[in-house]
Protein backbone atom coordinates (compact mmCIF):
# COMPACT_ATOMS: atom_id res chain seq x y z
CA MET A 1 101.44 22.17 -52.95
CA TYR A 2 96.92 22.53 -51.98
CA LYS A 3 96.92 19.64 -54.20
CA ALA A 4 98.76 17.35 -52.11
CA VAL A 5 97.49 18.12 -48.54
CA ARG A 6 94.12 17.72 -50.22
CA ALA A 7 95.07 13.82 -51.07
CA ARG A 8 96.47 13.52 -48.08
CA LEU A 9 93.70 14.38 -45.49
CA CYS A 10 91.25 12.40 -48.10
CA ALA A 11 93.10 9.64 -47.78
CA LEU A 12 92.53 9.63 -43.68
CA VAL A 13 88.89 10.44 -44.43
CA CYS A 14 89.12 7.13 -46.43
CA ARG A 15 90.32 5.97 -44.18
CA ALA A 16 88.91 7.00 -40.57
CA ARG A 17 85.11 6.09 -42.95
CA SER A 18 86.94 2.34 -43.62
CA ALA A 19 87.87 1.71 -40.08
CA ARG A 20 84.41 2.49 -38.68
CA ARG A 21 82.29 0.05 -41.31
CA ASP A 22 84.97 -2.25 -39.17
CA ALA A 23 83.63 -1.66 -35.74
CA GLY A 24 80.46 -3.44 -34.03
CA MET A 25 80.02 -6.78 -34.62
CA VAL A 26 79.26 -9.19 -37.31
CA THR A 27 75.97 -10.58 -37.80
CA SER A 28 77.37 -13.63 -36.77
CA GLU A 29 78.05 -12.17 -33.79
CA TYR A 30 74.95 -11.06 -32.43
CA ALA A 31 73.48 -15.41 -34.17
CA MET A 32 75.92 -16.40 -31.87
CA GLY A 33 75.09 -13.82 -28.37
CA ILE A 34 71.12 -13.94 -29.29
CA VAL A 35 71.69 -17.76 -28.64
CA ALA A 36 73.37 -18.17 -25.44
CA ALA A 37 70.87 -15.52 -24.05
CA VAL A 38 67.34 -17.85 -25.15
CA ALA A 39 70.35 -20.38 -23.59
CA PHE A 40 70.96 -19.36 -20.59
CA ALA A 41 67.27 -18.18 -20.06
CA VAL A 42 65.90 -21.27 -20.95
CA VAL A 43 68.79 -23.18 -17.56
CA LEU A 44 67.36 -20.61 -15.67
CA TYR A 45 63.43 -20.74 -15.86
CA LYS A 46 64.22 -24.62 -15.27
CA VAL A 47 66.55 -23.37 -12.45
CA VAL A 48 63.70 -20.66 -11.04
CA THR A 49 61.09 -23.59 -11.84
CA SER A 50 62.13 -26.81 -10.13
CA GLY A 51 60.03 -27.64 -7.19
CA GLN A 52 62.43 -26.51 -4.18
CA VAL A 53 63.51 -23.49 -5.54
CA SER A 54 59.45 -22.32 -6.20
CA ALA A 55 58.87 -24.00 -3.10
CA GLU A 56 61.70 -21.75 -1.07
CA LEU A 57 60.16 -18.72 -3.25
CA GLN A 58 56.53 -18.69 -1.97
CA SER A 59 58.39 -19.62 1.86
CA ILE A 60 60.16 -16.21 1.14
CA VAL A 61 56.43 -14.06 -0.41
CA LYS A 62 54.65 -15.88 2.51
CA ARG A 63 57.00 -15.22 5.08
CA ALA A 64 57.06 -11.06 3.60
CA LEU A 65 53.67 -10.50 3.31
CA ASP A 66 52.94 -11.85 6.77
CA ALA A 67 55.95 -9.64 8.64
CA GLN A 68 54.28 -7.58 10.94
CA MET A 69 55.49 -3.77 11.29
């Protein structure tokens, strides 16, 4: 009986270990995530450095610095 319990316990532990190895992202998913993040950063940079947005941001900062309390 001891051998049967031990074999069953070993099977459960081995199954749990194999499940843990499959958890998480694979390298290709990390790469796609990094590419998406860089693409978003480039788009955001282009928007923030455009003339109209840059002028608005400068206007907001100037009004904040000139504010009287």
